């Protein structure tokens, strides 16, 4: 998504590298992505994750699966990454005989990670085993996602969105097992309540990664919504004063944390049910690209009313959503 092109992101990575230099592993700050390798209109081929999982296992145990078998079943990556498949299920290969066989093989390989865990951790270390578990989650998750993409059921898109966030949740829980984690994503991937967007005239509902993680961690999960303020070089000026962002914009200073009860007192708090994010129709000739409204007009920004930080001092996961990003 071009995150590496931002000078601030590159500066952050340099700072992390300098901070970690000379520190013991337990005291280092780790930087990780937790989203699934997919976007609104397409998903990656499972090749990279599946072949990496197989290579890791084959170095230590008998998998019973040959690399040539995986390569034959995977075929050209272009069959998996067709951007029109999300609009036309018949273009997806997610339920082909080869894809169905791959799903069984991926499940078998993932199972071997648990069956042989003591041997694998001893032979290659905990970090390598955890990375192999990531490969397994990604491979099996992608194959499930492609299978849903190839389906024709009315709730097909809802299922796809739910699967993506389930993969995100599994990655977050794996990170939380290693230590305190600060998460950066859109509100609707991290809020506790059911998420909803409008894709043209299609309403899509699903349970977010945050809802899944909160169910597992309880008070150890804290959700902090954020607002963008102004981005004048992108044409985003001061928000209207009769909005939540307008109230925040009028406060002195550049950065501050506001308790939800203080926003309640403004009288601008919308109902507890979060508003819909409505994405207009796609660009003519480019159904894979959605028009996006100006940032301060996006309903997601009003989700600041959901700010709650229960047990923050004890939290293992903090979620920092960004209202400026639309799914």
C-alpha atoms as a PDB file:
ATOM      1  CA  UNK A   1       0.000   0.000   0.000  1.00  0.00           C
ATOM      2  CA  UNK A   2       2.993   2.294  -0.327  1.00  0.00           C
ATOM      3  CA  UNK A   3       3.560   2.751   3.412  1.00  0.00           C
ATOM      4  CA  UNK A   4       7.304   2.619   2.860  1.00  0.00           C
ATOM      5  CA  UNK A   5       7.164   5.726   0.670  1.00  0.00           C
ATOM      6  CA  UNK A   6       6.336   7.951   3.665  1.00  0.00           C
ATOM      7  CA  UNK A   7       9.403   9.628   5.154  1.00  0.00           C
ATOM      8  CA  UNK A   8       7.900   9.415   8.640  1.00  0.00           C
ATOM      9  CA  UNK A   9       7.508   5.636   8.386  1.00  0.00           C
ATOM     10  CA  UNK A  10      11.094   5.199   7.266  1.00  0.00           C
ATOM     11  CA  UNK A  11      12.255   7.439  10.117  1.00  0.00           C
ATOM     12  CA  UNK A  12      10.288   5.312  12.584  1.00  0.00           C
ATOM     13  CA  UNK A  13      11.922   2.110  11.351  1.00  0.00           C
ATOM     14  CA  UNK A  14      15.366   3.714  11.662  1.00  0.00           C
ATOM     15  CA  UNK A  15      14.546   4.791  15.210  1.00  0.00           C
ATOM     16  CA  UNK A  16      13.411   1.283  16.100  1.00  0.00           C
ATOM     17  CA  UNK A  17      16.617  -0.188  14.708  1.00  0.00           C
ATOM     18  CA  UNK A  18      18.725   2.266  16.725  1.00  0.00           C
ATOM     19  CA  UNK A  19      16.659   1.652  19.876  1.00  0.00           C
ATOM     20  CA  UNK A  20      17.042  -2.129  19.608  1.00  0.00           C
ATOM     21  CA  UNK A  21      20.783  -2.062  18.913  1.00  0.00           C
ATOM     22  CA  UNK A  22      22.657  -3.647  21.815  1.00  0.00           C
ATOM     23  CA  UNK A  23      19.514  -4.521  23.789  1.00  0.00           C
ATOM     24  CA  UNK A  24      18.695  -8.119  24.779  1.00  0.00           C
ATOM     25  CA  UNK A  25      15.915  -9.730  22.666  1.00  0.00           C
ATOM     26  CA  UNK A  26      13.392  -9.502  25.511  1.00  0.00           C
ATOM     27  CA  UNK A  27      13.761  -5.692  25.645  1.00  0.00           C
ATOM     28  CA  UNK A  28      13.569  -4.993  21.908  1.00  0.00           C
ATOM     29  CA  UNK A  29      10.601  -3.409  20.150  1.00  0.00           C
ATOM     30  CA  UNK A  30       9.219  -5.580  17.341  1.00  0.00           C
ATOM     31  CA  UNK A  31       7.522  -4.200  14.238  1.00  0.00           C
ATOM     32  CA  UNK A  32       5.014  -6.472  12.481  1.00  0.00           C
ATOM     33  CA  UNK A  33       2.165  -6.352  10.003  1.00  0.00           C
ATOM     34  CA  UNK A  34      -0.988  -8.187  11.054  1.00  0.00           C
ATOM     35  CA  UNK A  35      -3.365  -7.735   8.106  1.00  0.00           C
ATOM     36  CA  UNK A  36      -4.065 -10.619   5.746  1.00  0.00           C
ATOM     37  CA  UNK A  37      -2.432 -10.386   2.269  1.00  0.00           C
ATOM     38  CA  UNK A  38      -5.587  -9.177   0.556  1.00  0.00           C
ATOM     39  CA  UNK A  39      -7.488  -6.046  -0.401  1.00  0.00           C
ATOM     40  CA  UNK A  40     -11.120  -5.230  -1.146  1.00  0.00           C
ATOM     41  CA  UNK A  41     -10.944  -6.539  -4.699  1.00  0.00           C
ATOM     42  CA  UNK A  42      -8.368  -9.311  -4.621  1.00  0.00           C
ATOM     43  CA  UNK A  43      -6.311 -11.695  -2.518  1.00  0.00           C
ATOM     44  CA  UNK A  44      -2.815 -13.053  -2.909  1.00  0.00           C
ATOM     45  CA  UNK A  45      -1.886 -16.505  -4.134  1.00  0.00           C
ATOM     46  CA  UNK A  46      -1.246 -18.930  -1.250  1.00  0.00           C
ATOM     47  CA  UNK A  47       2.021 -19.959  -2.934  1.00  0.00           C
ATOM     48  CA  UNK A  48       4.481 -17.952  -0.832  1.00  0.00           C
ATOM     49  CA  UNK A  49       3.030 -18.956   2.533  1.00  0.00           C
ATOM     50  CA  UNK A  50       2.360 -22.577   1.596  1.00  0.00           C
ATOM     51  CA  UNK A  51       5.758 -23.266   0.058  1.00  0.00           C
ATOM     52  CA  UNK A  52       7.558 -21.551   2.964  1.00  0.00           C
ATOM     53  CA  UNK A  53       5.587 -23.674   5.447  1.00  0.00           C
ATOM     54  CA  UNK A  54       6.449 -26.834   3.517  1.00  0.00           C
ATOM     55  CA  UNK A  55      10.154 -25.921   3.297  1.00  0.00           C
ATOM     56  CA  UNK A  56      10.329 -25.326   7.058  1.00  0.00           C
ATOM     57  CA  UNK A  57       8.671 -28.645   7.879  1.00  0.00           C
ATOM     58  CA  UNK A  58      10.552 -30.667   5.255  1.00  0.00           C
ATOM     59  CA  UNK A  59      13.846 -29.626   6.839  1.00  0.00           C
ATOM     60  CA  UNK A  60      12.902 -31.392  10.073  1.00  0.00           C
ATOM     61  CA  UNK A  61      10.096 -33.946   9.507  1.00  0.00           C
ATOM     62  CA  UNK A  62       8.632 -36.099   6.761  1.00  0.00           C
ATOM     63  CA  UNK A  63       5.673 -34.131   5.398  1.00  0.00           C
ATOM     64  CA  UNK A  64       4.606 -36.730   2.846  1.00  0.00           C
ATOM     65  CA  UNK A  65       4.139 -33.888   0.357  1.00  0.00           C
ATOM     66  CA  UNK A  66       6.500 -33.163  -2.528  1.00  0.00           C
ATOM     67  CA  UNK A  67       7.263 -29.570  -3.625  1.00  0.00           C
ATOM     68  CA  UNK A  68       6.356 -30.600  -7.189  1.00  0.00           C
ATOM     69  CA  UNK A  69       2.869 -31.533  -5.984  1.00  0.00           C
ATOM     70  CA  UNK A  70       2.326 -28.095  -4.461  1.00  0.00           C
ATOM     71  CA  UNK A  71       3.633 -26.353  -7.579  1.00  0.00           C
ATOM     72  CA  UNK A  72       1.328 -28.375  -9.834  1.00  0.00           C
ATOM     73  CA  UNK A  73      -1.742 -27.674  -7.718  1.00  0.00           C
ATOM     74  CA  UNK A  74      -0.967 -23.976  -7.299  1.00  0.00           C
ATOM     75  CA  UNK A  75      -0.482 -23.333 -11.016  1.00  0.00           C
ATOM     76  CA  UNK A  76       0.104 -19.749 -12.256  1.00  0.00           C
ATOM     77  CA  UNK A  77      -0.374 -17.071  -9.597  1.00  0.00           C
ATOM     78  CA  UNK A  78      -2.457 -15.020 -12.036  1.00  0.00           C
ATOM     79  CA  UNK A  79      -5.317 -17.489 -11.556  1.00  0.00           C
ATOM     80  CA  UNK A  80      -5.466 -16.587  -7.869  1.00  0.00           C
ATOM     81  CA  UNK A  81      -5.039 -12.811  -8.149  1.00  0.00           C
ATOM     82  CA  UNK A  82      -7.696 -12.012 -10.790  1.00  0.00           C
ATOM     83  CA  UNK A  83      -9.198  -8.721  -9.537  1.00  0.00           C
ATOM     84  CA  UNK A  84     -12.509  -9.408 -11.272  1.00  0.00           C
ATOM     85  CA  UNK A  85     -13.122 -12.592  -9.263  1.00  0.00           C
ATOM     86  CA  UNK A  86     -14.582 -10.627  -6.348  1.00  0.00           C
ATOM     87  CA  UNK A  87     -17.315  -9.341  -8.694  1.00  0.00           C
ATOM     88  CA  UNK A  88     -17.746 -12.592 -10.665  1.00  0.00           C
ATOM     89  CA  UNK A  89     -17.429 -15.814  -8.614  1.00  0.00           C
ATOM     90  CA  UNK A  90     -17.078 -17.871 -11.796  1.00  0.00           C
ATOM     91  CA  UNK A  91     -13.653 -16.279 -12.343  1.00  0.00           C
ATOM     92  CA  UNK A  92     -12.307 -17.560  -9.019  1.00  0.00           C
ATOM     93  CA  UNK A  93     -10.519 -20.913  -8.790  1.00  0.00           C
ATOM     94  CA  UNK A  94     -11.112 -21.126  -5.048  1.00  0.00           C
ATOM     95  CA  UNK A  95     -13.367 -24.182  -5.339  1.00  0.00           C
ATOM     96  CA  UNK A  96     -11.578 -25.995  -8.142  1.00  0.00           C
ATOM     97  CA  UNK A  97     -10.388 -29.573  -7.603  1.00  0.00           C
ATOM     98  CA  UNK A  98      -6.803 -28.297  -7.250  1.00  0.00           C
ATOM     99  CA  UNK A  99      -7.809 -25.645  -4.686  1.00  0.00           C
ATOM    100  CA  UNK A 100      -9.807 -28.174  -2.654  1.00  0.00           C
ATOM    101  CA  UNK A 101      -6.820 -30.532  -2.586  1.00  0.00           C
ATOM    102  CA  UNK A 102      -4.555 -27.659  -1.544  1.00  0.00           C
ATOM    103  CA  UNK A 103      -6.866 -26.848   1.375  1.00  0.00           C
ATOM    104  CA  UNK A 104      -6.509 -30.414   2.674  1.00  0.00           C
ATOM    105  CA  UNK A 105      -2.741 -30.374   2.228  1.00  0.00           C
ATOM    106  CA  UNK A 106      -2.406 -26.982   3.939  1.00  0.00           C
ATOM    107  CA  UNK A 107      -4.452 -28.246   6.876  1.00  0.00           C
ATOM    108  CA  UNK A 108      -2.268 -31.342   7.156  1.00  0.00           C
ATOM    109  CA  UNK A 109       0.926 -29.259   7.080  1.00  0.00           C
ATOM    110  CA  UNK A 110      -0.432 -26.858   9.707  1.00  0.00           C
ATOM    111  CA  UNK A 111      -1.285 -29.811  11.937  1.00  0.00           C
ATOM    112  CA  UNK A 112       2.322 -31.057  11.754  1.00  0.00           C
ATOM    113  CA  UNK A 113       3.484 -27.838  13.450  1.00  0.00           C
ATOM    114  CA  UNK A 114       1.610 -28.842  16.588  1.00  0.00           C
ATOM    115  CA  UNK A 115       2.276 -32.576  16.352  1.00  0.00           C
ATOM    116  CA  UNK A 116       6.050 -32.037  16.149  1.00  0.00           C
ATOM    117  CA  UNK A 117       6.269 -28.761  18.118  1.00  0.00           C
ATOM    118  CA  UNK A 118       8.817 -29.934  20.742  1.00  0.00           C
ATOM    119  CA  UNK A 119      11.158 -31.267  18.067  1.00  0.00           C
ATOM    120  CA  UNK A 120      10.718 -28.246  15.792  1.00  0.00           C
ATOM    121  CA  UNK A 121      11.324 -25.655  18.517  1.00  0.00           C
ATOM    122  CA  UNK A 122      14.404 -27.515  19.738  1.00  0.00           C
ATOM    123  CA  UNK A 123      15.810 -27.855  16.227  1.00  0.00           C
ATOM    124  CA  UNK A 124      15.166 -24.380  14.852  1.00  0.00           C
ATOM    125  CA  UNK A 125      14.203 -22.149  17.779  1.00  0.00           C
ATOM    126  CA  UNK A 126      10.976 -20.520  18.924  1.00  0.00           C
ATOM    127  CA  UNK A 127      11.113 -17.619  16.453  1.00  0.00           C
ATOM    128  CA  UNK A 128      11.353 -19.912  13.418  1.00  0.00           C
ATOM    129  CA  UNK A 129       8.473 -22.031  14.703  1.00  0.00           C
ATOM    130  CA  UNK A 130       6.317 -18.948  15.301  1.00  0.00           C
ATOM    131  CA  UNK A 131       7.068 -17.746  11.769  1.00  0.00           C
ATOM    132  CA  UNK A 132       6.043 -21.145  10.412  1.00  0.00           C
ATOM    133  CA  UNK A 133       2.768 -20.809  12.337  1.00  0.00           C
ATOM    134  CA  UNK A 134       2.270 -17.472  10.579  1.00  0.00           C
ATOM    135  CA  UNK A 135       2.831 -19.214   7.231  1.00  0.00           C
ATOM    136  CA  UNK A 136       0.248 -21.824   8.229  1.00  0.00           C
ATOM    137  CA  UNK A 137      -2.360 -19.248   9.278  1.00  0.00           C
ATOM    138  CA  UNK A 138      -1.811 -17.317   6.059  1.00  0.00           C
ATOM    139  CA  UNK A 139      -1.940 -20.322   3.737  1.00  0.00           C
ATOM    140  CA  UNK A 140      -5.054 -21.869   5.279  1.00  0.00           C
ATOM    141  CA  UNK A 141      -6.754 -18.479   5.621  1.00  0.00           C
ATOM    142  CA  UNK A 142      -6.106 -17.525   2.001  1.00  0.00           C
ATOM    143  CA  UNK A 143      -7.439 -20.862   0.746  1.00  0.00           C
ATOM    144  CA  UNK A 144     -10.619 -20.407   2.804  1.00  0.00           C
ATOM    145  CA  UNK A 145     -10.971 -16.853   1.491  1.00  0.00           C
ATOM    146  CA  UNK A 146     -10.575 -17.928  -2.136  1.00  0.00           C
ATOM    147  CA  UNK A 147     -13.160 -20.662  -1.566  1.00  0.00           C
ATOM    148  CA  UNK A 148     -15.657 -18.064  -0.320  1.00  0.00           C
ATOM    149  CA  UNK A 149     -14.804 -15.820  -3.261  1.00  0.00           C
ATOM    150  CA  UNK A 150     -15.788 -18.641  -5.611  1.00  0.00           C
ATOM    151  CA  UNK A 151     -19.132 -19.190  -3.875  1.00  0.00           C
ATOM    152  CA  UNK A 152     -22.485 -17.855  -4.998  1.00  0.00           C
ATOM    153  CA  UNK A 153     -24.308 -17.609  -1.653  1.00  0.00           C
ATOM    154  CA  UNK A 154     -26.008 -14.271  -0.810  1.00  0.00           C
ATOM    155  CA  UNK A 155     -23.717 -13.709   2.182  1.00  0.00           C
ATOM    156  CA  UNK A 156     -20.556 -14.291   0.145  1.00  0.00           C
ATOM    157  CA  UNK A 157     -19.015 -10.834   0.694  1.00  0.00           C
ATOM    158  CA  UNK A 158     -19.929 -10.830   4.392  1.00  0.00           C
ATOM    159  CA  UNK A 159     -18.126 -14.157   4.768  1.00  0.00           C
ATOM    160  CA  UNK A 160     -15.070 -12.818   2.936  1.00  0.00           C
ATOM    161  CA  UNK A 161     -14.848  -9.766   5.199  1.00  0.00           C
ATOM    162  CA  UNK A 162     -15.301 -11.942   8.277  1.00  0.00           C
ATOM    163  CA  UNK A 163     -12.547 -14.320   7.173  1.00  0.00           C
ATOM    164  CA  UNK A 164     -10.133 -11.459   6.593  1.00  0.00           C
ATOM    165  CA  UNK A 165     -10.703 -10.098  10.099  1.00  0.00           C
ATOM    166  CA  UNK A 166     -10.495 -13.586  11.587  1.00  0.00           C
ATOM    167  CA  UNK A 167      -7.013 -13.856  10.059  1.00  0.00           C
ATOM    168  CA  UNK A 168      -6.131 -10.449  11.487  1.00  0.00           C
ATOM    169  CA  UNK A 169      -7.371 -11.522  14.923  1.00  0.00           C
ATOM    170  CA  UNK A 170      -5.300 -14.710  14.863  1.00  0.00           C
ATOM    171  CA  UNK A 171      -2.204 -12.671  14.007  1.00  0.00           C
ATOM    172  CA  UNK A 172      -2.934 -10.186  16.805  1.00  0.00           C
ATOM    173  CA  UNK A 173      -3.352 -12.947  19.370  1.00  0.00           C
ATOM    174  CA  UNK A 174      -0.059 -14.493  18.268  1.00  0.00           C
ATOM    175  CA  UNK A 175       1.645 -11.114  18.728  1.00  0.00           C
ATOM    176  CA  UNK A 176      -0.005 -10.574  22.113  1.00  0.00           C
ATOM    177  CA  UNK A 177       1.390 -13.917  23.278  1.00  0.00           C
ATOM    178  CA  UNK A 178       4.879 -12.460  22.814  1.00  0.00           C
ATOM    179  CA  UNK A 179       4.288  -9.245  24.777  1.00  0.00           C
ATOM    180  CA  UNK A 180       2.443  -5.870  24.937  1.00  0.00           C
ATOM    181  CA  UNK A 181       1.257  -4.776  21.489  1.00  0.00           C
ATOM    182  CA  UNK A 182       0.175  -1.415  20.029  1.00  0.00           C
ATOM    183  CA  UNK A 183      -2.057  -1.906  16.982  1.00  0.00           C
ATOM    184  CA  UNK A 184      -2.649   0.598  14.185  1.00  0.00           C
ATOM    185  CA  UNK A 185      -5.632   0.028  11.866  1.00  0.00           C
ATOM    186  CA  UNK A 186      -9.029   1.363  10.829  1.00  0.00           C
ATOM    187  CA  UNK A 187     -11.763   1.607  13.470  1.00  0.00           C
ATOM    188  CA  UNK A 188     -13.869  -1.052  11.813  1.00  0.00           C
ATOM    189  CA  UNK A 189     -11.105  -3.612  12.083  1.00  0.00           C
ATOM    190  CA  UNK A 190     -10.642  -2.966  15.804  1.00  0.00           C
ATOM    191  CA  UNK A 191     -13.936  -1.871  17.365  1.00  0.00           C
ATOM    192  CA  UNK A 192     -15.764  -4.246  19.686  1.00  0.00           C
ATOM    193  CA  UNK A 193     -19.180  -4.039  18.043  1.00  0.00           C
ATOM    194  CA  UNK A 194     -20.223  -5.528  14.700  1.00  0.00           C
ATOM    195  CA  UNK A 195     -18.786  -3.624  11.716  1.00  0.00           C
ATOM    196  CA  UNK A 196     -20.831  -2.392   8.766  1.00  0.00           C
ATOM    197  CA  UNK A 197     -20.022  -0.730   5.455  1.00  0.00           C
ATOM    198  CA  UNK A 198     -22.023   0.032   2.318  1.00  0.00           C
ATOM    199  CA  UNK A 199     -20.334  -1.021  -0.925  1.00  0.00           C
ATOM    200  CA  UNK A 200     -22.535   0.804  -3.402  1.00  0.00           C
ATOM    201  CA  UNK A 201     -25.973  -0.628  -2.611  1.00  0.00           C
ATOM    202  CA  UNK A 202     -24.612  -3.712  -0.848  1.00  0.00           C
ATOM    203  CA  UNK A 203     -24.611  -3.667   2.956  1.00  0.00           C
ATOM    204  CA  UNK A 204     -21.809  -5.773   4.423  1.00  0.00           C
ATOM    205  CA  UNK A 205     -21.709  -6.811   8.097  1.00  0.00           C
ATOM    206  CA  UNK A 206     -19.019  -8.779   9.909  1.00  0.00           C
ATOM    207  CA  UNK A 207     -17.287  -9.177  13.266  1.00  0.00           C
ATOM    208  CA  UNK A 208     -14.030  -7.252  13.378  1.00  0.00           C
ATOM    209  CA  UNK A 209     -10.618  -8.461  14.498  1.00  0.00           C
ATOM    210  CA  UNK A 210     -11.016  -6.239  17.564  1.00  0.00           C
ATOM    211  CA  UNK A 211     -14.278  -7.924  18.516  1.00  0.00           C
ATOM    212  CA  UNK A 212     -12.607 -11.322  18.172  1.00  0.00           C
ATOM    213  CA  UNK A 213      -9.543 -10.329  20.202  1.00  0.00           C
ATOM    214  CA  UNK A 214     -11.629  -8.597  22.883  1.00  0.00           C
ATOM    215  CA  UNK A 215     -13.650 -11.788  23.286  1.00  0.00           C
ATOM    216  CA  UNK A 216     -10.436 -13.680  24.061  1.00  0.00           C
ATOM    217  CA  UNK A 217      -8.557 -11.081  26.117  1.00  0.00           C
ATOM    218  CA  UNK A 218     -11.412  -9.258  27.849  1.00  0.00           C
ATOM    219  CA  UNK A 219     -10.151  -6.269  29.851  1.00  0.00           C
ATOM    220  CA  UNK A 220      -6.629  -6.829  28.502  1.00  0.00           C
ATOM    221  CA  UNK A 221      -7.846  -5.345  25.200  1.00  0.00           C
ATOM    222  CA  UNK A 222      -8.258  -1.560  25.048  1.00  0.00           C
ATOM    223  CA  UNK A 223      -9.704   0.365  22.101  1.00  0.00           C
ATOM    224  CA  UNK A 224      -8.650   3.987  21.511  1.00  0.00           C
ATOM    225  CA  UNK A 225     -10.215   5.810  18.538  1.00  0.00           C
ATOM    226  CA  UNK A 226      -8.326   8.663  16.865  1.00  0.00           C
ATOM    227  CA  UNK A 227      -9.072  11.636  14.637  1.00  0.00           C
ATOM    228  CA  UNK A 228      -6.943  13.064  11.830  1.00  0.00           C
ATOM    229  CA  UNK A 229      -7.342  16.825  12.374  1.00  0.00           C
ATOM    230  CA  UNK A 230      -6.230  18.606   9.204  1.00  0.00           C
ATOM    231  CA  UNK A 231      -4.174  17.476   6.211  1.00  0.00           C
ATOM    232  CA  UNK A 232      -4.104  20.710   4.267  1.00  0.00           C
ATOM    233  CA  UNK A 233      -1.800  19.517   1.497  1.00  0.00           C
ATOM    234  CA  UNK A 234      -4.430  16.858   0.723  1.00  0.00           C
ATOM    235  CA  UNK A 235      -7.273  19.370   0.740  1.00  0.00           C
ATOM    236  CA  UNK A 236      -8.530  18.480   4.229  1.00  0.00           C
ATOM    237  CA  UNK A 237      -9.124  21.712   6.119  1.00  0.00           C
ATOM    238  CA  UNK A 238     -10.663  22.438   9.491  1.00  0.00           C
ATOM    239  CA  UNK A 239     -13.672  20.206  10.235  1.00  0.00           C
ATOM    240  CA  UNK A 240     -17.101  21.795  10.867  1.00  0.00           C
ATOM    241  CA  UNK A 241     -17.416  23.064  14.462  1.00  0.00           C
ATOM    242  CA  UNK A 242     -20.648  21.118  15.079  1.00  0.00           C
ATOM    243  CA  UNK A 243     -18.902  17.738  14.748  1.00  0.00           C
ATOM    244  CA  UNK A 244     -16.844  15.692  17.178  1.00  0.00           C
ATOM    245  CA  UNK A 245     -13.718  16.360  15.138  1.00  0.00           C
ATOM    246  CA  UNK A 246     -14.556  20.081  15.146  1.00  0.00           C
ATOM    247  CA  UNK A 247     -14.613  20.108  18.957  1.00  0.00           C
ATOM    248  CA  UNK A 248     -11.262  18.314  19.070  1.00  0.00           C
ATOM    249  CA  UNK A 249      -9.801  20.642  16.456  1.00  0.00           C
ATOM    250  CA  UNK A 250     -10.656  23.672  18.600  1.00  0.00           C
ATOM    251  CA  UNK A 251      -8.640  22.362  21.536  1.00  0.00           C
ATOM    252  CA  UNK A 252      -5.179  23.871  22.124  1.00  0.00           C
ATOM    253  CA  UNK A 253      -2.096  21.868  21.267  1.00  0.00           C
ATOM    254  CA  UNK A 254      -1.303  19.298  18.605  1.00  0.00           C
ATOM    255  CA  UNK A 255      -1.695  15.977  20.442  1.00  0.00           C
ATOM    256  CA  UNK A 256      -3.924  15.034  23.346  1.00  0.00           C
ATOM    257  CA  UNK A 257      -6.005  12.200  24.748  1.00  0.00           C
ATOM    258  CA  UNK A 258      -9.688  12.856  25.463  1.00  0.00           C
ATOM    259  CA  UNK A 259     -11.912  10.637  27.612  1.00  0.00           C
ATOM    260  CA  UNK A 260     -15.176   9.532  26.039  1.00  0.00           C
ATOM    261  CA  UNK A 261     -17.224  11.120  28.845  1.00  0.00           C
ATOM    262  CA  UNK A 262     -15.813  14.535  27.889  1.00  0.00           C
ATOM    263  CA  UNK A 263     -17.132  14.066  24.364  1.00  0.00           C
ATOM    264  CA  UNK A 264     -20.490  12.981  25.786  1.00  0.00           C
ATOM    265  CA  UNK A 265     -20.792  16.426  27.393  1.00  0.00           C
ATOM    266  CA  UNK A 266     -20.585  18.142  23.998  1.00  0.00           C
ATOM    267  CA  UNK A 267     -24.018  16.846  22.977  1.00  0.00           C
ATOM    268  CA  UNK A 268     -22.559  15.766  19.622  1.00  0.00           C
ATOM    269  CA  UNK A 269     -22.281  12.110  20.521  1.00  0.00           C
ATOM    270  CA  UNK A 270     -24.220   9.937  18.037  1.00  0.00           C
ATOM    271  CA  UNK A 271     -26.121   6.794  19.131  1.00  0.00           C
ATOM    272  CA  UNK A 272     -24.120   3.831  20.408  1.00  0.00           C
ATOM    273  CA  UNK A 273     -24.640   2.003  17.117  1.00  0.00           C
ATOM    274  CA  UNK A 274     -21.793   3.142  14.859  1.00  0.00           C
ATOM    275  CA  UNK A 275     -22.746   4.921  11.634  1.00  0.00           C
ATOM    276  CA  UNK A 276     -22.294   3.235   8.293  1.00  0.00           C
ATOM    277  CA  UNK A 277     -19.286   3.910   6.145  1.00  0.00           C
ATOM    278  CA  UNK A 278     -20.781   4.348   2.683  1.00  0.00           C
ATOM    279  CA  UNK A 279     -18.435   3.966  -0.252  1.00  0.00           C
ATOM    280  CA  UNK A 280     -19.735   5.446  -3.529  1.00  0.00           C
ATOM    281  CA  UNK A 281     -19.719   3.394  -6.745  1.00  0.00           C
ATOM    282  CA  UNK A 282     -16.367   2.510  -8.239  1.00  0.00           C
ATOM    283  CA  UNK A 283     -14.630   4.679 -10.817  1.00  0.00           C
ATOM    284  CA  UNK A 284     -15.887   4.106 -14.370  1.00  0.00           C
ATOM    285  CA  UNK A 285     -13.739   1.474 -15.982  1.00  0.00           C
ATOM    286  CA  UNK A 286     -11.978   0.693 -12.703  1.00  0.00           C
ATOM    287  CA  UNK A 287     -14.366  -1.343 -10.532  1.00  0.00           C
ATOM    288  CA  UNK A 288     -11.455  -2.150  -8.236  1.00  0.00           C
ATOM    289  CA  UNK A 289     -11.043   1.495  -7.180  1.00  0.00           C
ATOM    290  CA  UNK A 290     -13.544   3.187  -4.888  1.00  0.00           C
ATOM    291  CA  UNK A 291     -14.101   6.926  -4.747  1.00  0.00           C
ATOM    292  CA  UNK A 292     -13.341   8.207  -1.275  1.00  0.00           C
ATOM    293  CA  UNK A 293     -15.022  11.243   0.326  1.00  0.00           C
ATOM    294  CA  UNK A 294     -12.986  13.976   2.035  1.00  0.00           C
ATOM    295  CA  UNK A 295     -11.627  12.712   5.327  1.00  0.00           C
ATOM    296  CA  UNK A 296     -13.580  15.032   7.623  1.00  0.00           C
ATOM    297  CA  UNK A 297     -16.835  13.971   5.903  1.00  0.00           C
ATOM    298  CA  UNK A 298     -16.328  10.281   6.608  1.00  0.00           C
ATOM    299  CA  UNK A 299     -18.630   8.860   9.297  1.00  0.00           C
ATOM    300  CA  UNK A 300     -15.794   6.745  10.667  1.00  0.00           C
ATOM    301  CA  UNK A 301     -14.347   9.851  12.282  1.00  0.00           C
ATOM    302  CA  UNK A 302     -17.391  10.075  14.565  1.00  0.00           C
ATOM    303  CA  UNK A 303     -16.494   6.751  16.143  1.00  0.00           C
ATOM    304  CA  UNK A 304     -14.532   8.761  18.691  1.00  0.00           C
ATOM    305  CA  UNK A 305     -17.645   8.367  20.837  1.00  0.00           C
ATOM    306  CA  UNK A 306     -16.625   4.774  21.387  1.00  0.00           C
ATOM    307  CA  UNK A 307     -13.407   5.677  23.271  1.00  0.00           C
ATOM    308  CA  UNK A 308     -12.962   3.349  26.246  1.00  0.00           C
ATOM    309  CA  UNK A 309      -9.715   2.229  27.849  1.00  0.00           C
ATOM    310  CA  UNK A 310     -10.627  -0.400  30.477  1.00  0.00           C
ATOM    311  CA  UNK A 311      -7.710  -1.656  32.538  1.00  0.00           C
ATOM    312  CA  UNK A 312      -5.235   0.186  30.347  1.00  0.00           C
ATOM    313  CA  UNK A 313      -2.385  -0.224  32.811  1.00  0.00           C
ATOM    314  CA  UNK A 314      -2.850  -3.985  32.631  1.00  0.00           C
ATOM    315  CA  UNK A 315      -3.481  -4.158  28.887  1.00  0.00           C
ATOM    316  CA  UNK A 316      -1.581  -6.554  26.666  1.00  0.00           C
ATOM    317  CA  UNK A 317      -3.047  -5.125  23.467  1.00  0.00           C
ATOM    318  CA  UNK A 318      -3.817  -1.493  22.699  1.00  0.00           C
ATOM    319  CA  UNK A 319      -5.686  -0.660  19.498  1.00  0.00           C
ATOM    320  CA  UNK A 320      -5.039   2.687  17.826  1.00  0.00           C
ATOM    321  CA  UNK A 321      -7.442   2.936  14.868  1.00  0.00           C
ATOM    322  CA  UNK A 322      -7.154   5.729  12.325  1.00  0.00           C
ATOM    323  CA  UNK A 323     -10.390   7.297  11.146  1.00  0.00           C
ATOM    324  CA  UNK A 324      -8.706   8.560   7.999  1.00  0.00           C
ATOM    325  CA  UNK A 325      -8.468   5.143   6.382  1.00  0.00           C
ATOM    326  CA  UNK A 326     -11.438   3.566   4.616  1.00  0.00           C
ATOM    327  CA  UNK A 327     -11.644  -0.176   4.056  1.00  0.00           C
END
